[in-house]
Amino acid sequence: MREPVVAIVGVCASGKTTLAAGLNEAGVKAYSVPQEHSYVRRLWRHTRPDANILVMLDARWETTRRRRPEITYGPERLEEQRNRLRYAREECDLYLPTDDLTIEEVRARVLQFIEAWKEKERA
């Protein structure tokens, strides 16, 4: 069975970097892809072709502002990021809005998804 390699995309302040660190601490290879800033359709795939799970995190504008009060742009920029991520959203294995979840809950949900993925791979 091949081990999972997780690529994480999402809008700014959705928790990509934090999730990647938490998954790596748990022994899962994971990395964050700054796809929301790129027009490259499948940047997540080009960055690390060995990724076999794509997780997309999302957050509402209010959550983004609360998590990063220093952000100077408005909600239209967040929509632009979502537009750039539309292909990742279509192709992701797990889409997870993080607004109402703690860091631990996000990590637990993704780890649970990975365990289910491993079970499918074994079958």
Foldseek 3Di string as FASTA:
>chain_A
DDAAAEEEEEFPPQCQVVLCVVCVVVVHHYHYDDQLVDLPQPVSCVVPVRHDAYEYEYEAQVQNCVRPVVDDDHRVSRVSSVVSCVNVVVVHPYYYYCRPPDSVRVNVVVVVVSVVVVVVVVD
